[in-house]
Amino acid sequence: MPRYLTMIRVDEKNSPEGGPSPEMGERMGALLEEITKAGVMLETAGLTPNAEGTRVHWEGGRLSVTDGPFTEAKEVVGGYSITQCKDRAEAVEWASRFLKVHDEQWTVTAEVREIIEG
């Protein structure tokens, strides 16, 4: 079965202060339990804010390293999951369900991409 990387993109500047509500945390916990019991979830985690990140860039034969924050970034990858699904449609369905657990004031995008094997 194919594996999929889902990158959760968030707008850090417009994320609710204080993070997720307790109700959202409960909904997310229930969904993560369901997807794990279904044997689909292989790995998932949130990421530190972009201010704590470092970019390593290669261009024109030169390497540069820049510490965050990265002000030009509107959306940043705030978390990820690796799932094993029968097809892309199933991976998109799980990603859609994950987005729907967020409270209305959140702006969240999921990018689902198949992992190339071997």
N, C-alpha and C. Protein backbone atom coordinates (compact mmCIF):
# COMPACT_ATOMS: atom_id res chain seq x y z
N MET A 1 0.84 -1.19 0.00
CA MET A 1 0.00 0.00 0.00
C MET A 1 0.88 1.25 0.00
N PRO A 2 0.49 2.27 -0.74
CA PRO A 2 1.30 3.48 -0.79
C PRO A 2 1.27 4.25 0.53
N ARG A 3 2.38 4.98 0.74
CA ARG A 3 2.46 5.86 1.91
C ARG A 3 2.34 7.31 1.42
N TYR A 4 1.79 8.16 2.29
CA TYR A 4 1.57 9.56 1.95
C TYR A 4 2.10 10.46 3.04
N LEU A 5 2.76 11.53 2.63
CA LEU A 5 3.18 12.58 3.54
C LEU A 5 2.15 13.69 3.45
N THR A 6 1.59 14.06 4.58
CA THR A 6 0.67 15.19 4.64
C THR A 6 1.35 16.28 5.45
N MET A 7 1.55 17.43 4.80
CA MET A 7 2.14 18.58 5.47
C MET A 7 1.02 19.53 5.85
N ILE A 8 0.95 19.88 7.11
CA ILE A 8 -0.08 20.79 7.60
C ILE A 8 0.51 22.19 7.62
N ARG A 9 -0.04 23.04 6.78
CA ARG A 9 0.45 24.43 6.68
C ARG A 9 -0.47 25.34 7.47
N VAL A 10 0.14 26.20 8.27
CA VAL A 10 -0.61 27.15 9.09
C VAL A 10 -0.07 28.56 8.86
N ASP A 11 -0.94 29.54 9.06
CA ASP A 11 -0.55 30.94 9.02
C ASP A 11 -0.25 31.32 10.46
N GLU A 12 1.02 31.32 10.84
CA GLU A 12 1.40 31.58 12.23
C GLU A 12 0.96 32.95 12.72
N LYS A 13 0.92 33.92 11.82
CA LYS A 13 0.55 35.28 12.23
C LYS A 13 -0.94 35.39 12.58
N ASN A 14 -1.75 34.49 12.04
CA ASN A 14 -3.19 34.55 12.29
C ASN A 14 -3.71 33.36 13.08
N SER A 15 -2.83 32.60 13.68
CA SER A 15 -3.26 31.47 14.52
C SER A 15 -3.79 32.02 15.84
N PRO A 16 -4.81 31.38 16.39
CA PRO A 16 -5.37 31.86 17.66
C PRO A 16 -4.32 31.88 18.77
N GLU A 17 -4.32 32.98 19.52
CA GLU A 17 -3.40 33.09 20.65
C GLU A 17 -3.74 32.02 21.68
N GLY A 18 -2.75 31.37 22.21
CA GLY A 18 -2.99 30.32 23.19
C GLY A 18 -3.15 28.95 22.57
N GLY A 19 -3.11 28.88 21.23
CA GLY A 19 -3.19 27.58 20.57
C GLY A 19 -4.59 27.01 20.51
N PRO A 20 -4.69 25.71 20.32
CA PRO A 20 -5.99 25.05 20.16
C PRO A 20 -6.83 25.14 21.43
N SER A 21 -8.14 25.22 21.23
CA SER A 21 -9.06 25.19 22.37
C SER A 21 -9.08 23.78 22.95
N PRO A 22 -9.51 23.63 24.19
CA PRO A 22 -9.61 22.28 24.78
C PRO A 22 -10.53 21.37 23.97
N GLU A 23 -11.62 21.93 23.44
CA GLU A 23 -12.55 21.13 22.62
C GLU A 23 -11.88 20.63 21.35
N MET A 24 -11.09 21.51 20.73
CA MET A 24 -10.36 21.11 19.52
C MET A 24 -9.36 20.01 19.86
N GLY A 25 -8.68 20.15 20.98
CA GLY A 25 -7.73 19.12 21.41
C GLY A 25 -8.41 17.78 21.60
N GLU A 26 -9.61 17.78 22.15
CA GLU A 26 -10.36 16.53 22.34
C GLU A 26 -10.75 15.92 20.99
N ARG A 27 -11.23 16.77 20.07
CA ARG A 27 -11.61 16.27 18.74
C ARG A 27 -10.40 15.69 18.01
N MET A 28 -9.26 16.39 18.12
CA MET A 28 -8.05 15.94 17.46
C MET A 28 -7.57 14.62 18.06
N GLY A 29 -7.60 14.52 19.38
CA GLY A 29 -7.20 13.28 20.04
C GLY A 29 -8.05 12.10 19.61
N ALA A 30 -9.36 12.32 19.51
CA ALA A 30 -10.28 11.25 19.08
C ALA A 30 -9.98 10.81 17.65
N LEU A 31 -9.74 11.78 16.76
CA LEU A 31 -9.45 11.44 15.37
C LEU A 31 -8.11 10.70 15.27
N LEU A 32 -7.10 11.16 16.00
CA LEU A 32 -5.80 10.49 15.94
C LEU A 32 -5.90 9.07 16.49
N GLU A 33 -6.73 8.86 17.50
CA GLU A 33 -6.94 7.51 18.02
C GLU A 33 -7.63 6.64 16.95
N GLU A 34 -8.63 7.21 16.28
CA GLU A 34 -9.35 6.46 15.24
C GLU A 34 -8.42 6.08 14.08
N ILE A 35 -7.64 7.02 13.59
CA ILE A 35 -6.78 6.75 12.44
C ILE A 35 -5.66 5.77 12.81
N THR A 36 -5.22 5.82 14.07
CA THR A 36 -4.20 4.86 14.53
C THR A 36 -4.79 3.46 14.63
N LYS A 37 -5.98 3.35 15.21
CA LYS A 37 -6.64 2.04 15.34
C LYS A 37 -6.98 1.45 13.97
N ALA A 38 -7.22 2.31 12.98
CA ALA A 38 -7.52 1.85 11.62
C ALA A 38 -6.25 1.33 10.92
N GLY A 39 -5.09 1.52 11.54
CA GLY A 39 -3.84 1.04 10.95
C GLY A 39 -3.30 1.94 9.85
N VAL A 40 -3.80 3.16 9.77
CA VAL A 40 -3.41 4.08 8.71
C VAL A 40 -2.24 4.96 9.13
N MET A 41 -2.27 5.45 10.36
CA MET A 41 -1.25 6.39 10.83
C MET A 41 0.07 5.66 11.12
N LEU A 42 1.12 6.11 10.48
CA LEU A 42 2.45 5.57 10.74
C LEU A 42 3.25 6.49 11.65
N GLU A 43 3.07 7.82 11.47
CA GLU A 43 3.81 8.79 12.28
C GLU A 43 3.15 10.15 12.13
N THR A 44 3.15 10.93 13.19
CA THR A 44 2.65 12.30 13.13
C THR A 44 3.31 13.14 14.21
N ALA A 45 3.45 14.44 13.95
CA ALA A 45 4.02 15.35 14.95
C ALA A 45 3.77 16.78 14.52
N GLY A 46 3.75 17.65 15.51
CA GLY A 46 3.75 19.08 15.26
C GLY A 46 5.19 19.56 15.19
N LEU A 47 5.38 20.75 14.66
CA LEU A 47 6.73 21.32 14.52
C LEU A 47 6.83 22.63 15.29
N THR A 48 8.05 22.98 15.69
CA THR A 48 8.27 24.25 16.37
C THR A 48 7.97 25.40 15.41
N PRO A 49 7.73 26.60 15.93
CA PRO A 49 7.47 27.76 15.07
C PRO A 49 8.64 28.05 14.14
N ASN A 50 8.34 28.72 13.03
CA ASN A 50 9.39 29.01 12.05
C ASN A 50 10.49 29.87 12.64
N ALA A 51 10.21 30.64 13.69
CA ALA A 51 11.23 31.47 14.34
C ALA A 51 12.35 30.61 14.92
N GLU A 52 12.05 29.35 15.20
CA GLU A 52 13.05 28.45 15.76
C GLU A 52 13.70 27.55 14.71
N GLY A 53 13.39 27.78 13.44
CA GLY A 53 13.92 26.96 12.36
C GLY A 53 15.18 27.53 11.74
N THR A 54 15.80 26.74 10.91
CA THR A 54 16.99 27.13 10.16
C THR A 54 16.81 26.66 8.72
N ARG A 55 17.14 27.52 7.78
CA ARG A 55 17.10 27.15 6.37
C ARG A 55 18.52 26.97 5.85
N VAL A 56 18.71 25.88 5.13
CA VAL A 56 19.98 25.61 4.46
C VAL A 56 19.68 25.66 2.98
N HIS A 57 20.39 26.53 2.24
CA HIS A 57 20.07 26.80 0.83
C HIS A 57 21.32 26.61 -0.02
N TRP A 58 21.14 25.96 -1.17
CA TRP A 58 22.23 25.73 -2.13
C TRP A 58 21.86 26.42 -3.43
N GLU A 59 22.71 27.33 -3.89
CA GLU A 59 22.46 28.02 -5.15
C GLU A 59 23.78 28.49 -5.74
N GLY A 60 23.94 28.26 -7.04
CA GLY A 60 25.14 28.74 -7.72
C GLY A 60 26.44 28.21 -7.13
N GLY A 61 26.41 27.00 -6.58
CA GLY A 61 27.61 26.41 -6.02
C GLY A 61 27.97 26.94 -4.64
N ARG A 62 27.05 27.69 -4.02
CA ARG A 62 27.30 28.25 -2.69
C ARG A 62 26.21 27.82 -1.72
N LEU A 63 26.62 27.57 -0.51
CA LEU A 63 25.71 27.15 0.55
C LEU A 63 25.50 28.32 1.51
N SER A 64 24.25 28.53 1.91
CA SER A 64 23.97 29.54 2.93
C SER A 64 23.08 28.94 4.00
N VAL A 65 23.25 29.41 5.22
CA VAL A 65 22.47 28.95 6.35
C VAL A 65 21.85 30.19 7.01
N THR A 66 20.52 30.18 7.17
CA THR A 66 19.81 31.32 7.74
C THR A 66 18.90 30.85 8.86
N ASP A 67 19.02 31.47 10.02
CA ASP A 67 18.13 31.17 11.13
C ASP A 67 16.84 31.96 10.99
N GLY A 68 15.73 31.38 11.48
CA GLY A 68 14.44 32.03 11.47
C GLY A 68 14.39 33.17 12.47
N PRO A 69 13.35 33.96 12.46
CA PRO A 69 12.13 33.74 11.71
C PRO A 69 12.26 34.17 10.26
N PHE A 70 11.40 33.62 9.44
CA PHE A 70 11.41 33.90 8.01
C PHE A 70 10.18 34.74 7.70
N THR A 71 10.37 36.04 7.64
CA THR A 71 9.24 36.98 7.54
C THR A 71 8.48 36.87 6.22
N GLU A 72 9.13 36.40 5.16
CA GLU A 72 8.44 36.31 3.87
C GLU A 72 7.47 35.13 3.80
N ALA A 73 7.51 34.24 4.76
CA ALA A 73 6.65 33.06 4.75
C ALA A 73 5.28 33.41 5.32
N LYS A 74 4.23 33.28 4.49
CA LYS A 74 2.87 33.49 4.99
C LYS A 74 2.39 32.22 5.68
N GLU A 75 2.55 31.11 5.01
CA GLU A 75 2.19 29.82 5.60
C GLU A 75 3.46 29.03 5.86
N VAL A 76 3.50 28.31 6.97
CA VAL A 76 4.64 27.46 7.29
C VAL A 76 4.12 26.07 7.61
N VAL A 77 4.98 25.08 7.47
CA VAL A 77 4.60 23.73 7.83
C VAL A 77 4.60 23.65 9.35
N GLY A 78 3.43 23.42 9.93
CA GLY A 78 3.27 23.38 11.37
C GLY A 78 3.24 21.96 11.92
N GLY A 79 3.10 20.99 11.03
CA GLY A 79 3.05 19.60 11.45
C GLY A 79 3.01 18.70 10.23
N TYR A 80 3.07 17.41 10.47
CA TYR A 80 3.06 16.46 9.36
C TYR A 80 2.50 15.13 9.85
N SER A 81 2.14 14.30 8.89
CA SER A 81 1.82 12.91 9.19
C SER A 81 2.29 12.05 8.03
N ILE A 82 2.58 10.81 8.34
CA ILE A 82 2.86 9.81 7.32
C ILE A 82 1.82 8.73 7.51
N THR A 83 1.04 8.51 6.47
CA THR A 83 -0.03 7.51 6.53
C THR A 83 0.18 6.46 5.45
N GLN A 84 -0.44 5.32 5.66
CA GLN A 84 -0.41 4.25 4.65
C GLN A 84 -1.87 4.01 4.28
N CYS A 85 -2.22 4.36 3.06
CA CYS A 85 -3.61 4.32 2.60
C CYS A 85 -3.71 3.52 1.32
N LYS A 86 -4.93 3.05 1.03
CA LYS A 86 -5.11 2.25 -0.19
C LYS A 86 -4.91 3.09 -1.46
N ASP A 87 -5.20 4.41 -1.36
CA ASP A 87 -5.02 5.28 -2.52
C ASP A 87 -5.03 6.74 -2.06
N ARG A 88 -4.80 7.64 -3.03
CA ARG A 88 -4.76 9.08 -2.73
C ARG A 88 -6.08 9.57 -2.17
N ALA A 89 -7.19 9.06 -2.67
CA ALA A 89 -8.51 9.50 -2.19
C ALA A 89 -8.65 9.24 -0.69
N GLU A 90 -8.19 8.09 -0.21
CA GLU A 90 -8.28 7.80 1.22
C GLU A 90 -7.38 8.75 2.00
N ALA A 91 -6.17 9.02 1.50
CA ALA A 91 -5.26 9.94 2.18
C ALA A 91 -5.86 11.34 2.27
N VAL A 92 -6.49 11.77 1.21
CA VAL A 92 -7.14 13.10 1.19
C VAL A 92 -8.33 13.13 2.16
N GLU A 93 -9.07 12.04 2.24
CA GLU A 93 -10.20 11.97 3.18
C GLU A 93 -9.72 12.13 4.62
N TRP A 94 -8.66 11.42 5.00
CA TRP A 94 -8.13 11.56 6.36
C TRP A 94 -7.63 12.97 6.60
N ALA A 95 -6.94 13.57 5.63
CA ALA A 95 -6.44 14.94 5.77
C ALA A 95 -7.61 15.91 5.92
N SER A 96 -8.67 15.70 5.17
CA SER A 96 -9.85 16.56 5.26
C SER A 96 -10.48 16.47 6.64
N ARG A 97 -10.58 15.27 7.15
CA ARG A 97 -11.14 15.09 8.49
C ARG A 97 -10.27 15.77 9.54
N PHE A 98 -8.95 15.72 9.36
CA PHE A 98 -8.05 16.40 10.30
C PHE A 98 -8.30 17.90 10.27
N LEU A 99 -8.44 18.49 9.08
CA LEU A 99 -8.67 19.93 9.00
C LEU A 99 -9.99 20.32 9.66
N LYS A 100 -11.01 19.48 9.51
CA LYS A 100 -12.34 19.80 10.06
C LYS A 100 -12.40 19.81 11.58
N VAL A 101 -11.41 19.21 12.27
CA VAL A 101 -11.43 19.27 13.74
C VAL A 101 -10.99 20.63 14.25
N HIS A 102 -10.39 21.47 13.40
CA HIS A 102 -9.92 22.79 13.82
C HIS A 102 -11.10 23.73 14.04
N ASP A 103 -10.96 24.61 15.03
CA ASP A 103 -11.96 25.64 15.26
C ASP A 103 -12.01 26.58 14.06
N GLU A 104 -13.14 27.28 13.91
CA GLU A 104 -13.36 28.13 12.74
C GLU A 104 -12.32 29.22 12.53
N GLN A 105 -11.73 29.74 13.60
CA GLN A 105 -10.79 30.86 13.45
C GLN A 105 -9.44 30.43 12.90
N TRP A 106 -9.18 29.13 12.79
CA TRP A 106 -7.91 28.63 12.23
C TRP A 106 -7.95 28.69 10.71
N THR A 107 -6.79 29.00 10.10
CA THR A 107 -6.60 28.86 8.67
C THR A 107 -5.53 27.80 8.49
N VAL A 108 -5.93 26.64 7.97
CA VAL A 108 -5.04 25.49 7.89
C VAL A 108 -5.19 24.86 6.50
N THR A 109 -4.08 24.46 5.92
CA THR A 109 -4.07 23.78 4.62
C THR A 109 -3.30 22.49 4.76
N ALA A 110 -3.78 21.43 4.14
CA ALA A 110 -3.07 20.16 4.12
C ALA A 110 -2.59 19.88 2.70
N GLU A 111 -1.32 19.60 2.55
CA GLU A 111 -0.76 19.19 1.27
C GLU A 111 -0.45 17.71 1.37
N VAL A 112 -1.10 16.90 0.54
CA VAL A 112 -0.95 15.44 0.57
C VAL A 112 -0.12 15.02 -0.63
N ARG A 113 0.99 14.30 -0.36
CA ARG A 113 1.85 13.85 -1.46
C ARG A 113 2.26 12.40 -1.21
N GLU A 114 2.21 11.62 -2.29
CA GLU A 114 2.62 10.22 -2.18
C GLU A 114 4.13 10.15 -2.05
N ILE A 115 4.58 9.24 -1.20
CA ILE A 115 6.01 9.00 -1.00
C ILE A 115 6.49 8.02 -2.07
N ILE A 116 7.52 8.38 -2.77
CA ILE A 116 8.07 7.50 -3.81
C ILE A 116 8.86 6.39 -3.12
N GLU A 117 8.49 5.17 -3.38
CA GLU A 117 9.14 4.03 -2.74
C GLU A 117 10.33 3.55 -3.55
N GLY A 118 11.38 3.15 -2.84
CA GLY A 118 12.54 2.47 -3.38
C GLY A 118 13.23 3.11 -4.49
